[in-house]
Amino acid sequence: MTQRATKRPETFRKPAHWSDAPPPKPEAPKDQQDPDGLSPTRYGDWVHKGIAIDF
């Protein structure tokens, strides 16, 4: 079994566009009214070409 590298090679230099800043915090979801009724993301059912599918 080959061991996995745990450090970057000594010759590695990070690209200029990389930042040390932490990623931004995600925004809170906005509560929206569903104009068609029940939201498929809430109940897990989707309609594809007239057929309700669940995945």
N, C-alpha and C. Protein backbone atom coordinates (compact mmCIF):
# COMPACT_ATOMS: atom_id res chain seq x y z
N MET A 1 0.84 -1.18 0.00
CA MET A 1 0.00 0.00 0.00
C MET A 1 0.89 1.24 0.00
N THR A 2 0.59 2.17 -0.90
CA THR A 2 1.33 3.42 -0.99
C THR A 2 0.87 4.37 0.09
N GLN A 3 1.83 5.00 0.75
CA GLN A 3 1.45 5.95 1.80
C GLN A 3 0.99 7.26 1.17
N ARG A 4 0.03 7.85 1.81
CA ARG A 4 -0.51 9.12 1.34
C ARG A 4 0.33 10.27 1.85
N ALA A 5 0.53 11.26 1.00
CA ALA A 5 1.31 12.44 1.40
C ALA A 5 0.52 13.25 2.42
N THR A 6 1.19 13.73 3.44
CA THR A 6 0.52 14.55 4.45
C THR A 6 1.00 15.99 4.42
N LYS A 7 2.03 16.26 3.62
CA LYS A 7 2.55 17.62 3.47
C LYS A 7 2.80 17.89 2.00
N ARG A 8 2.80 19.17 1.67
CA ARG A 8 3.14 19.56 0.30
C ARG A 8 4.65 19.48 0.13
N PRO A 9 5.11 19.26 -1.08
CA PRO A 9 6.55 19.23 -1.32
C PRO A 9 7.19 20.59 -0.99
N GLU A 10 8.45 20.57 -0.66
CA GLU A 10 9.18 21.80 -0.31
C GLU A 10 9.15 22.81 -1.45
N THR A 11 9.11 22.34 -2.69
CA THR A 11 9.16 23.23 -3.85
C THR A 11 7.81 23.87 -4.17
N PHE A 12 6.76 23.49 -3.44
CA PHE A 12 5.43 24.03 -3.72
C PHE A 12 5.34 25.50 -3.33
N ARG A 13 4.80 26.31 -4.23
CA ARG A 13 4.53 27.72 -3.96
C ARG A 13 3.07 27.96 -4.31
N LYS A 14 2.32 28.54 -3.39
CA LYS A 14 0.90 28.74 -3.68
C LYS A 14 0.72 29.83 -4.72
N PRO A 15 -0.28 29.68 -5.58
CA PRO A 15 -0.54 30.69 -6.61
C PRO A 15 -0.92 32.04 -5.99
N ALA A 16 -0.68 33.11 -6.71
CA ALA A 16 -0.94 34.46 -6.21
C ALA A 16 -2.42 34.69 -5.91
N HIS A 17 -3.32 34.01 -6.62
CA HIS A 17 -4.75 34.25 -6.41
C HIS A 17 -5.30 33.49 -5.19
N TRP A 18 -4.53 32.61 -4.57
CA TRP A 18 -4.97 31.93 -3.35
C TRP A 18 -4.91 32.90 -2.18
N SER A 19 -5.84 32.76 -1.26
CA SER A 19 -5.91 33.66 -0.12
C SER A 19 -5.82 32.86 1.17
N ASP A 20 -5.35 33.50 2.22
CA ASP A 20 -5.33 32.87 3.54
C ASP A 20 -6.60 33.20 4.32
N ALA A 21 -7.46 34.03 3.74
CA ALA A 21 -8.70 34.42 4.42
C ALA A 21 -9.65 33.21 4.50
N PRO A 22 -10.38 33.09 5.60
CA PRO A 22 -11.34 31.98 5.70
C PRO A 22 -12.49 32.18 4.72
N PRO A 23 -13.16 31.10 4.34
CA PRO A 23 -14.28 31.24 3.41
C PRO A 23 -15.41 32.03 4.06
N PRO A 24 -16.23 32.71 3.27
CA PRO A 24 -17.33 33.48 3.86
C PRO A 24 -18.39 32.56 4.47
N LYS A 25 -19.06 33.06 5.48
CA LYS A 25 -20.13 32.28 6.11
C LYS A 25 -21.33 32.24 5.16
N PRO A 26 -22.02 31.11 5.10
CA PRO A 26 -23.20 31.04 4.21
C PRO A 26 -24.32 31.93 4.74
N GLU A 27 -25.08 32.49 3.82
CA GLU A 27 -26.21 33.32 4.21
C GLU A 27 -27.35 32.42 4.68
N ALA A 28 -28.15 32.94 5.58
CA ALA A 28 -29.32 32.20 6.06
C ALA A 28 -30.32 32.07 4.91
N PRO A 29 -30.98 30.93 4.80
CA PRO A 29 -31.95 30.77 3.71
C PRO A 29 -33.12 31.73 3.89
N LYS A 30 -33.62 32.22 2.76
CA LYS A 30 -34.76 33.12 2.80
C LYS A 30 -36.03 32.30 2.69
N ASP A 31 -36.98 32.57 3.56
CA ASP A 31 -38.25 31.86 3.56
C ASP A 31 -39.12 32.40 2.43
N GLN A 32 -39.47 31.56 1.49
CA GLN A 32 -40.28 31.98 0.35
C GLN A 32 -41.57 31.16 0.31
N GLN A 33 -42.59 31.77 -0.19
CA GLN A 33 -43.85 31.05 -0.40
C GLN A 33 -43.75 30.26 -1.70
N ASP A 34 -44.25 29.03 -1.69
CA ASP A 34 -44.25 28.21 -2.89
C ASP A 34 -45.55 28.47 -3.65
N PRO A 35 -45.49 29.07 -4.85
CA PRO A 35 -46.72 29.43 -5.56
C PRO A 35 -47.53 28.23 -6.03
N ASP A 36 -46.89 27.07 -6.19
CA ASP A 36 -47.60 25.89 -6.70
C ASP A 36 -48.10 24.97 -5.60
N GLY A 37 -47.87 25.29 -4.37
CA GLY A 37 -48.32 24.41 -3.29
C GLY A 37 -47.16 23.87 -2.50
N LEU A 38 -47.11 22.57 -2.32
CA LEU A 38 -46.09 21.93 -1.49
C LEU A 38 -44.73 21.92 -2.20
N SER A 39 -43.72 22.26 -1.48
CA SER A 39 -42.38 22.31 -2.04
C SER A 39 -41.81 20.89 -2.21
N PRO A 40 -41.29 20.53 -3.39
CA PRO A 40 -40.74 19.19 -3.57
C PRO A 40 -39.49 18.96 -2.72
N THR A 41 -38.75 20.01 -2.43
CA THR A 41 -37.57 19.81 -1.61
C THR A 41 -37.94 19.53 -0.16
N ARG A 42 -39.10 19.95 0.24
CA ARG A 42 -39.53 19.70 1.61
C ARG A 42 -40.11 18.29 1.75
N TYR A 43 -40.84 17.84 0.76
CA TYR A 43 -41.52 16.55 0.86
C TYR A 43 -40.85 15.44 0.08
N GLY A 44 -39.79 15.73 -0.68
CA GLY A 44 -39.00 14.70 -1.33
C GLY A 44 -39.56 14.16 -2.63
N ASP A 45 -40.62 14.74 -3.19
CA ASP A 45 -41.18 14.27 -4.45
C ASP A 45 -40.92 15.29 -5.54
N TRP A 46 -40.53 14.81 -6.70
CA TRP A 46 -40.28 15.66 -7.85
C TRP A 46 -41.08 15.12 -9.02
N VAL A 47 -41.48 15.97 -9.92
CA VAL A 47 -42.19 15.54 -11.11
C VAL A 47 -41.26 15.73 -12.30
N HIS A 48 -41.05 14.66 -13.05
CA HIS A 48 -40.20 14.70 -14.23
C HIS A 48 -40.99 14.12 -15.39
N LYS A 49 -41.31 14.95 -16.38
CA LYS A 49 -42.09 14.55 -17.55
C LYS A 49 -43.42 13.93 -17.12
N GLY A 50 -44.06 14.53 -16.13
CA GLY A 50 -45.39 14.09 -15.71
C GLY A 50 -45.38 12.91 -14.75
N ILE A 51 -44.20 12.41 -14.39
CA ILE A 51 -44.11 11.26 -13.49
C ILE A 51 -43.46 11.71 -12.19
N ALA A 52 -44.10 11.41 -11.06
CA ALA A 52 -43.54 11.76 -9.76
C ALA A 52 -42.41 10.79 -9.45
N ILE A 53 -41.25 11.34 -9.14
CA ILE A 53 -40.11 10.50 -8.79
C ILE A 53 -39.62 10.88 -7.42
N ASP A 54 -38.98 9.97 -6.77
CA ASP A 54 -38.47 10.19 -5.43
C ASP A 54 -37.02 9.71 -5.39
N PHE A 55 -36.11 10.57 -4.94
CA PHE A 55 -34.71 10.13 -4.90
C PHE A 55 -33.97 10.68 -3.74
